[in-house]
Amino acid sequence: MSASDDMVIVDARRLLCPMPVIRVQNVVKKRPPGTRIKAICTDPGALSDIPAWARINGHTIIETLSGDDEHIITLEVGGP
């Protein structure tokens, strides 16, 4: 995991379900609302798992991208 000024990167490559969601969840718990998190995954299941988890927990999916056997999901942390 790394952070820039306003974006946190979660490296979930080579992890299978449910680990990408758990990694994102653990990072979200430590960040204030409005923080953007970019999850980089190789498990195609993350394309449905992370957005479903985000919706249930009040976070917003900003963008999903796929290419070169990687999937990038960007979300914004919601309110309390």
PDB file of N, CA and C in Angstrom:
ATOM      1  N   MET A   1       0.861  -1.178   0.000  1.00  0.00           N
ATOM      2  CA  MET A   1       0.000   0.000   0.000  1.00  0.00           C
ATOM      3  C   MET A   1       0.893   1.221   0.000  1.00  0.00           C
ATOM      4  N   SER A   2       0.510   2.223  -0.787  1.00  0.00           N
ATOM      5  CA  SER A   2       1.228   3.493  -0.777  1.00  0.00           C
ATOM      6  C   SER A   2       0.219   4.617  -0.883  1.00  0.00           C
ATOM      7  N   ALA A   3       0.647   5.825  -0.522  1.00  0.00           N
ATOM      8  CA  ALA A   3      -0.264   6.972  -0.557  1.00  0.00           C
ATOM      9  C   ALA A   3       0.401   8.139  -1.262  1.00  0.00           C
ATOM     10  N   SER A   4      -0.373   8.856  -2.061  1.00  0.00           N
ATOM     11  CA  SER A   4       0.068  10.129  -2.598  1.00  0.00           C
ATOM     12  C   SER A   4      -0.711  11.184  -1.829  1.00  0.00           C
ATOM     13  N   ASP A   5      -0.739  12.414  -2.327  1.00  0.00           N
ATOM     14  CA  ASP A   5      -1.405  13.484  -1.600  1.00  0.00           C
ATOM     15  C   ASP A   5      -2.862  13.177  -1.279  1.00  0.00           C
ATOM     16  N   ASP A   6      -3.616  12.671  -2.252  1.00  0.00           N
ATOM     17  CA  ASP A   6      -5.040  12.453  -2.022  1.00  0.00           C
ATOM     18  C   ASP A   6      -5.520  11.105  -2.549  1.00  0.00           C
ATOM     19  N   MET A   7      -4.601  10.183  -2.832  1.00  0.00           N
ATOM     20  CA  MET A   7      -4.961   8.867  -3.352  1.00  0.00           C
ATOM     21  C   MET A   7      -4.152   7.817  -2.605  1.00  0.00           C
ATOM     22  N   VAL A   8      -4.849   6.772  -2.165  1.00  0.00           N
ATOM     23  CA  VAL A   8      -4.187   5.649  -1.508  1.00  0.00           C
ATOM     24  C   VAL A   8      -4.230   4.487  -2.491  1.00  0.00           C
ATOM     25  N   ILE A   9      -3.080   3.847  -2.695  1.00  0.00           N
ATOM     26  CA  ILE A   9      -2.992   2.703  -3.599  1.00  0.00           C
ATOM     27  C   ILE A   9      -2.953   1.428  -2.765  1.00  0.00           C
ATOM     28  N   VAL A  10      -3.848   0.499  -3.092  1.00  0.00           N
ATOM     29  CA  VAL A  10      -3.875  -0.813  -2.438  1.00  0.00           C
ATOM     30  C   VAL A  10      -3.469  -1.846  -3.481  1.00  0.00           C
ATOM     31  N   ASP A  11      -2.338  -2.482  -3.263  1.00  0.00           N
ATOM     32  CA  ASP A  11      -1.848  -3.508  -4.174  1.00  0.00           C
ATOM     33  C   ASP A  11      -2.419  -4.851  -3.739  1.00  0.00           C
ATOM     34  N   ALA A  12      -3.418  -5.322  -4.485  1.00  0.00           N
ATOM     35  CA  ALA A  12      -4.049  -6.610  -4.183  1.00  0.00           C
ATOM     36  C   ALA A  12      -3.797  -7.599  -5.319  1.00  0.00           C
ATOM     37  N   ARG A  13      -2.710  -7.384  -6.050  1.00  0.00           N
ATOM     38  CA  ARG A  13      -2.357  -8.301  -7.138  1.00  0.00           C
ATOM     39  C   ARG A  13      -1.985  -9.660  -6.569  1.00  0.00           C
ATOM     40  N   ARG A  14      -2.337 -10.699  -7.321  1.00  0.00           N
ATOM     41  CA  ARG A  14      -2.060 -12.094  -6.972  1.00  0.00           C
ATOM     42  C   ARG A  14      -2.804 -12.574  -5.725  1.00  0.00           C
ATOM     43  N   LEU A  15      -3.827 -11.825  -5.299  1.00  0.00           N
ATOM     44  CA  LEU A  15      -4.665 -12.256  -4.180  1.00  0.00           C
ATOM     45  C   LEU A  15      -6.021 -12.683  -4.711  1.00  0.00           C
ATOM     46  N   LEU A  16      -6.552 -13.754  -4.140  1.00  0.00           N
ATOM     47  CA  LEU A  16      -7.858 -14.258  -4.561  1.00  0.00           C
ATOM     48  C   LEU A  16      -8.919 -13.860  -3.546  1.00  0.00           C
ATOM     49  N   CYS A  17     -10.173 -13.920  -3.985  1.00  0.00           N
ATOM     50  CA  CYS A  17     -11.324 -13.589  -3.164  1.00  0.00           C
ATOM     51  C   CYS A  17     -11.250 -14.383  -1.867  1.00  0.00           C
ATOM     52  N   PRO A  18     -11.489 -13.754  -0.776  1.00  0.00           N
ATOM     53  CA  PRO A  18     -11.996 -12.411  -0.525  1.00  0.00           C
ATOM     54  C   PRO A  18     -10.914 -11.385  -0.199  1.00  0.00           C
ATOM     55  N   MET A  19      -9.643 -11.733  -0.385  1.00  0.00           N
ATOM     56  CA  MET A  19      -8.545 -10.887   0.089  1.00  0.00           C
ATOM     57  C   MET A  19      -8.513  -9.475  -0.518  1.00  0.00           C
ATOM     58  N   PRO A  20      -8.803  -9.268  -1.811  1.00  0.00           N
ATOM     59  CA  PRO A  20      -8.807  -7.883  -2.306  1.00  0.00           C
ATOM     60  C   PRO A  20      -9.801  -6.990  -1.554  1.00  0.00           C
ATOM     61  N   VAL A  21     -10.986  -7.518  -1.278  1.00  0.00           N
ATOM     62  CA  VAL A  21     -11.989  -6.747  -0.542  1.00  0.00           C
ATOM     63  C   VAL A  21     -11.512  -6.487   0.885  1.00  0.00           C
ATOM     64  N   ILE A  22     -10.927  -7.463   1.518  1.00  0.00           N
ATOM     65  CA  ILE A  22     -10.449  -7.307   2.889  1.00  0.00           C
ATOM     66  C   ILE A  22      -9.332  -6.273   2.952  1.00  0.00           C
ATOM     67  N   ARG A  23      -8.432  -6.298   1.986  1.00  0.00           N
ATOM     68  CA  ARG A  23      -7.361  -5.297   1.958  1.00  0.00           C
ATOM     69  C   ARG A  23      -7.938  -3.887   1.830  1.00  0.00           C
ATOM     70  N   VAL A  24      -8.895  -3.721   0.921  1.00  0.00           N
ATOM     71  CA  VAL A  24      -9.520  -2.405   0.737  1.00  0.00           C
ATOM     72  C   VAL A  24     -10.253  -1.997   2.011  1.00  0.00           C
ATOM     73  N   GLN A  25     -11.003  -2.911   2.587  1.00  0.00           N
ATOM     74  CA  GLN A  25     -11.753  -2.624   3.810  1.00  0.00           C
ATOM     75  C   GLN A  25     -10.825  -2.159   4.933  1.00  0.00           C
ATOM     76  N   ASN A  26      -9.694  -2.802   5.090  1.00  0.00           N
ATOM     77  CA  ASN A  26      -8.753  -2.434   6.149  1.00  0.00           C
ATOM     78  C   ASN A  26      -8.186  -1.031   5.937  1.00  0.00           C
ATOM     79  N   VAL A  27      -7.966  -0.646   4.693  1.00  0.00           N
ATOM     80  CA  VAL A  27      -7.457   0.691   4.394  1.00  0.00           C
ATOM     81  C   VAL A  27      -8.550   1.733   4.615  1.00  0.00           C
ATOM     82  N   VAL A  28      -9.770   1.426   4.169  1.00  0.00           N
ATOM     83  CA  VAL A  28     -10.888   2.367   4.319  1.00  0.00           C
ATOM     84  C   VAL A  28     -11.123   2.705   5.792  1.00  0.00           C
ATOM     85  N   LYS A  29     -10.994   1.736   6.684  1.00  0.00           N
ATOM     86  CA  LYS A  29     -11.218   1.956   8.114  1.00  0.00           C
ATOM     87  C   LYS A  29     -10.313   3.041   8.689  1.00  0.00           C
ATOM     88  N   LYS A  30      -9.154   3.244   8.077  1.00  0.00           N
ATOM     89  CA  LYS A  30      -8.159   4.184   8.591  1.00  0.00           C
ATOM     90  C   LYS A  30      -8.184   5.537   7.892  1.00  0.00           C
ATOM     91  N   ARG A  31      -9.124   5.735   6.971  1.00  0.00           N
ATOM     92  CA  ARG A  31      -9.128   6.957   6.161  1.00  0.00           C
ATOM     93  C   ARG A  31     -10.406   7.749   6.369  1.00  0.00           C
ATOM     94  N   PRO A  32     -10.306   9.084   6.288  1.00  0.00           N
ATOM     95  CA  PRO A  32     -11.497   9.919   6.460  1.00  0.00           C
ATOM     96  C   PRO A  32     -12.361   9.931   5.198  1.00  0.00           C
ATOM     97  N   PRO A  33     -13.633  10.317   5.333  1.00  0.00           N
ATOM     98  CA  PRO A  33     -14.499  10.458   4.162  1.00  0.00           C
ATOM     99  C   PRO A  33     -13.853  11.383   3.130  1.00  0.00           C
ATOM    100  N   GLY A  34     -14.057  11.035   1.871  1.00  0.00           N
ATOM    101  CA  GLY A  34     -13.504  11.823   0.776  1.00  0.00           C
ATOM    102  C   GLY A  34     -12.192  11.286   0.245  1.00  0.00           C
ATOM    103  N   THR A  35     -11.537  10.397   1.010  1.00  0.00           N
ATOM    104  CA  THR A  35     -10.290   9.800   0.550  1.00  0.00           C
ATOM    105  C   THR A  35     -10.566   8.919  -0.658  1.00  0.00           C
ATOM    106  N   ARG A  36      -9.711   9.003  -1.639  1.00  0.00           N
ATOM    107  CA  ARG A  36      -9.829   8.114  -2.806  1.00  0.00           C
ATOM    108  C   ARG A  36      -8.841   6.975  -2.671  1.00  0.00           C
ATOM    109  N   ILE A  37      -9.325   5.793  -2.986  1.00  0.00           N
ATOM    110  CA  ILE A  37      -8.521   4.574  -2.895  1.00  0.00           C
ATOM    111  C   ILE A  37      -8.546   3.881  -4.246  1.00  0.00           C
ATOM    112  N   LYS A  38      -7.368   3.515  -4.710  1.00  0.00           N
ATOM    113  CA  LYS A  38      -7.236   2.798  -5.974  1.00  0.00           C
ATOM    114  C   LYS A  38      -6.739   1.400  -5.653  1.00  0.00           C
ATOM    115  N   ALA A  39      -7.570   0.397  -5.935  1.00  0.00           N
ATOM    116  CA  ALA A  39      -7.213  -0.998  -5.706  1.00  0.00           C
ATOM    117  C   ALA A  39      -6.758  -1.606  -7.026  1.00  0.00           C
ATOM    118  N   ILE A  40      -5.567  -2.183  -7.020  1.00  0.00           N
ATOM    119  CA  ILE A  40      -5.035  -2.849  -8.203  1.00  0.00           C
ATOM    120  C   ILE A  40      -5.102  -4.342  -7.945  1.00  0.00           C
ATOM    121  N   CYS A  41      -5.894  -5.047  -8.762  1.00  0.00           N
ATOM    122  CA  CYS A  41      -6.179  -6.465  -8.524  1.00  0.00           C
ATOM    123  C   CYS A  41      -5.913  -7.281  -9.785  1.00  0.00           C
ATOM    124  N   THR A  42      -5.621  -8.558  -9.601  1.00  0.00           N
ATOM    125  CA  THR A  42      -5.543  -9.485 -10.726  1.00  0.00           C
ATOM    126  C   THR A  42      -6.717 -10.463 -10.724  1.00  0.00           C
ATOM    127  N   ASP A  43      -7.423 -10.575  -9.628  1.00  0.00           N
ATOM    128  CA  ASP A  43      -8.595 -11.452  -9.538  1.00  0.00           C
ATOM    129  C   ASP A  43      -9.786 -10.757 -10.193  1.00  0.00           C
ATOM    130  N   PRO A  44     -10.301 -11.293 -11.308  1.00  0.00           N
ATOM    131  CA  PRO A  44     -11.428 -10.638 -11.972  1.00  0.00           C
ATOM    132  C   PRO A  44     -12.678 -10.548 -11.096  1.00  0.00           C
ATOM    133  N   GLY A  45     -12.787 -11.377 -10.071  1.00  0.00           N
ATOM    134  CA  GLY A  45     -13.920 -11.317  -9.161  1.00  0.00           C
ATOM    135  C   GLY A  45     -13.986 -10.006  -8.393  1.00  0.00           C
ATOM    136  N   ALA A  46     -12.847  -9.336  -8.253  1.00  0.00           N
ATOM    137  CA  ALA A  46     -12.810  -8.056  -7.543  1.00  0.00           C
ATOM    138  C   ALA A  46     -13.646  -6.995  -8.250  1.00  0.00           C
ATOM    139  N   LEU A  47     -13.844  -7.160  -9.561  1.00  0.00           N
ATOM    140  CA  LEU A  47     -14.653  -6.194 -10.321  1.00  0.00           C
ATOM    141  C   LEU A  47     -16.104  -6.167  -9.855  1.00  0.00           C
ATOM    142  N   SER A  48     -16.575  -7.249  -9.291  1.00  0.00           N
ATOM    143  CA  SER A  48     -17.933  -7.255  -8.736  1.00  0.00           C
ATOM    144  C   SER A  48     -17.911  -7.198  -7.215  1.00  0.00           C
ATOM    145  N   ASP A  49     -16.913  -7.829  -6.590  1.00  0.00           N
ATOM    146  CA  ASP A  49     -16.870  -7.898  -5.127  1.00  0.00           C
ATOM    147  C   ASP A  49     -16.640  -6.537  -4.473  1.00  0.00           C
ATOM    148  N   ILE A  50     -15.665  -5.787  -4.964  1.00  0.00           N
ATOM    149  CA  ILE A  50     -15.353  -4.495  -4.339  1.00  0.00           C
ATOM    150  C   ILE A  50     -16.502  -3.506  -4.533  1.00  0.00           C
ATOM    151  N   PRO A  51     -17.066  -3.357  -5.748  1.00  0.00           N
ATOM    152  CA  PRO A  51     -18.211  -2.450  -5.880  1.00  0.00           C
ATOM    153  C   PRO A  51     -19.408  -2.853  -5.004  1.00  0.00           C
ATOM    154  N   ALA A  52     -19.674  -4.143  -4.879  1.00  0.00           N
ATOM    155  CA  ALA A  52     -20.795  -4.588  -4.032  1.00  0.00           C
ATOM    156  C   ALA A  52     -20.516  -4.229  -2.576  1.00  0.00           C
ATOM    157  N   TRP A  53     -19.307  -4.488  -2.101  1.00  0.00           N
ATOM    158  CA  TRP A  53     -18.937  -4.133  -0.730  1.00  0.00           C
ATOM    159  C   TRP A  53     -19.028  -2.618  -0.520  1.00  0.00           C
ATOM    160  N   ALA A  54     -18.542  -1.850  -1.500  1.00  0.00           N
ATOM    161  CA  ALA A  54     -18.570  -0.385  -1.393  1.00  0.00           C
ATOM    162  C   ALA A  54     -20.010   0.132  -1.292  1.00  0.00           C
ATOM    163  N   ARG A  55     -20.876  -0.387  -2.124  1.00  0.00           N
ATOM    164  CA  ARG A  55     -22.283   0.048  -2.119  1.00  0.00           C
ATOM    165  C   ARG A  55     -22.940  -0.242  -0.776  1.00  0.00           C
ATOM    166  N   ILE A  56     -22.729  -1.421  -0.251  1.00  0.00           N
ATOM    167  CA  ILE A  56     -23.319  -1.816   1.032  1.00  0.00           C
ATOM    168  C   ILE A  56     -22.817  -0.925   2.165  1.00  0.00           C
ATOM    169  N   ASN A  57     -21.578  -0.456   2.059  1.00  0.00           N
ATOM    170  CA  ASN A  57     -20.953   0.295   3.143  1.00  0.00           C
ATOM    171  C   ASN A  57     -20.913   1.801   2.915  1.00  0.00           C
ATOM    172  N   GLY A  58     -21.608   2.288   1.893  1.00  0.00           N
ATOM    173  CA  GLY A  58     -21.747   3.726   1.706  1.00  0.00           C
ATOM    174  C   GLY A  58     -20.586   4.428   1.021  1.00  0.00           C
ATOM    175  N   HIS A  59     -19.778   3.676   0.272  1.00  0.00           N
ATOM    176  CA  HIS A  59     -18.667   4.257  -0.461  1.00  0.00           C
ATOM    177  C   HIS A  59     -19.056   4.350  -1.941  1.00  0.00           C
ATOM    178  N   THR A  60     -18.351   5.171  -2.703  1.00  0.00           N
ATOM    179  CA  THR A  60     -18.702   5.407  -4.103  1.00  0.00           C
ATOM    180  C   THR A  60     -17.602   4.901  -5.026  1.00  0.00           C
ATOM    181  N   ILE A  61     -17.996   4.105  -6.013  1.00  0.00           N
ATOM    182  CA  ILE A  61     -17.050   3.673  -7.038  1.00  0.00           C
ATOM    183  C   ILE A  61     -16.908   4.816  -8.038  1.00  0.00           C
ATOM    184  N   ILE A  62     -15.690   5.260  -8.250  1.00  0.00           N
ATOM    185  CA  ILE A  62     -15.403   6.354  -9.171  1.00  0.00           C
ATOM    186  C   ILE A  62     -15.127   5.818 -10.566  1.00  0.00           C
ATOM    187  N   GLU A  63     -14.373   4.711 -10.637  1.00  0.00           N
ATOM    188  CA  GLU A  63     -13.942   4.212 -11.943  1.00  0.00           C
ATOM    189  C   GLU A  63     -13.486   2.766 -11.813  1.00  0.00           C
ATOM    190  N   THR A  64     -13.705   1.984 -12.868  1.00  0.00           N
ATOM    191  CA  THR A  64     -13.123   0.648 -12.971  1.00  0.00           C
ATOM    192  C   THR A  64     -12.456   0.541 -14.334  1.00  0.00           C
ATOM    193  N   LEU A  65     -11.262   0.013 -14.346  1.00  0.00           N
ATOM    194  CA  LEU A  65     -10.506  -0.175 -15.582  1.00  0.00           C
ATOM    195  C   LEU A  65      -9.940  -1.587 -15.593  1.00  0.00           C
ATOM    196  N   SER A  66      -9.839  -2.169 -16.785  1.00  0.00           N
ATOM    197  CA  SER A  66      -9.233  -3.489 -16.926  1.00  0.00           C
ATOM    198  C   SER A  66      -8.290  -3.481 -18.112  1.00  0.00           C
ATOM    199  N   GLY A  67      -7.178  -4.165 -17.947  1.00  0.00           N
ATOM    200  CA  GLY A  67      -6.225  -4.315 -19.038  1.00  0.00           C
ATOM    201  C   GLY A  67      -4.964  -4.990 -18.542  1.00  0.00           C
ATOM    202  N   ASP A  68      -4.292  -5.689 -19.445  1.00  0.00           N
ATOM    203  CA  ASP A  68      -3.033  -6.362 -19.113  1.00  0.00           C
ATOM    204  C   ASP A  68      -3.163  -7.266 -17.892  1.00  0.00           C
ATOM    205  N   ASP A  69      -4.277  -7.971 -17.792  1.00  0.00           N
ATOM    206  CA  ASP A  69      -4.528  -8.912 -16.693  1.00  0.00           C
ATOM    207  C   ASP A  69      -4.593  -8.246 -15.319  1.00  0.00           C
ATOM    208  N   GLU A  70      -4.818  -6.930 -15.312  1.00  0.00           N
ATOM    209  CA  GLU A  70      -5.017  -6.214 -14.050  1.00  0.00           C
ATOM    210  C   GLU A  70      -6.312  -5.445 -14.095  1.00  0.00           C
ATOM    211  N   HIS A  71      -6.909  -5.281 -12.942  1.00  0.00           N
ATOM    212  CA  HIS A  71      -8.157  -4.538 -12.809  1.00  0.00           C
ATOM    213  C   HIS A  71      -7.916  -3.454 -11.762  1.00  0.00           C
ATOM    214  N   ILE A  72      -8.311  -2.236 -12.093  1.00  0.00           N
ATOM    215  CA  ILE A  72      -8.112  -1.109 -11.187  1.00  0.00           C
ATOM    216  C   ILE A  72      -9.480  -0.540 -10.824  1.00  0.00           C
ATOM    217  N   ILE A  73      -9.749  -0.512  -9.547  1.00  0.00           N
ATOM    218  CA  ILE A  73     -11.028  -0.009  -9.044  1.00  0.00           C
ATOM    219  C   ILE A  73     -10.726   1.195  -8.145  1.00  0.00           C
ATOM    220  N   THR A  74     -11.288   2.333  -8.502  1.00  0.00           N
ATOM    221  CA  THR A  74     -11.086   3.541  -7.710  1.00  0.00           C
ATOM    222  C   THR A  74     -12.383   3.862  -6.983  1.00  0.00           C
ATOM    223  N   LEU A  75     -12.272   4.073  -5.682  1.00  0.00           N
ATOM    224  CA  LEU A  75     -13.465   4.395  -4.897  1.00  0.00           C
ATOM    225  C   LEU A  75     -13.180   5.581  -3.996  1.00  0.00           C
ATOM    226  N   GLU A  76     -14.269   6.212  -3.573  1.00  0.00           N
ATOM    227  CA  GLU A  76     -14.162   7.306  -2.612  1.00  0.00           C
ATOM    228  C   GLU A  76     -14.833   6.872  -1.320  1.00  0.00           C
ATOM    229  N   VAL A  77     -14.127   7.089  -0.217  1.00  0.00           N
ATOM    230  CA  VAL A  77     -14.640   6.703   1.098  1.00  0.00           C
ATOM    231  C   VAL A  77     -15.836   7.590   1.431  1.00  0.00           C
ATOM    232  N   GLY A  78     -16.922   6.947   1.856  1.00  0.00           N
ATOM    233  CA  GLY A  78     -18.142   7.667   2.222  1.00  0.00           C
ATOM    234  C   GLY A  78     -18.104   8.131   3.667  1.00  0.00           C
ATOM    235  N   GLY A  79     -19.193   8.717   4.076  1.00  0.00           N
ATOM    236  CA  GLY A  79     -19.330   9.240   5.444  1.00  0.00           C
ATOM    237  C   GLY A  79     -19.445   8.142   6.479  1.00  0.00           C
ATOM    238  N   PRO A  80     -19.548   8.524   7.744  1.00  0.00           N
ATOM    239  CA  PRO A  80     -19.558   7.563   8.844  1.00  0.00           C
ATOM    240  C   PRO A  80     -20.737   6.619   8.836  1.00  0.00           C
TER     241      PRO A  80
END
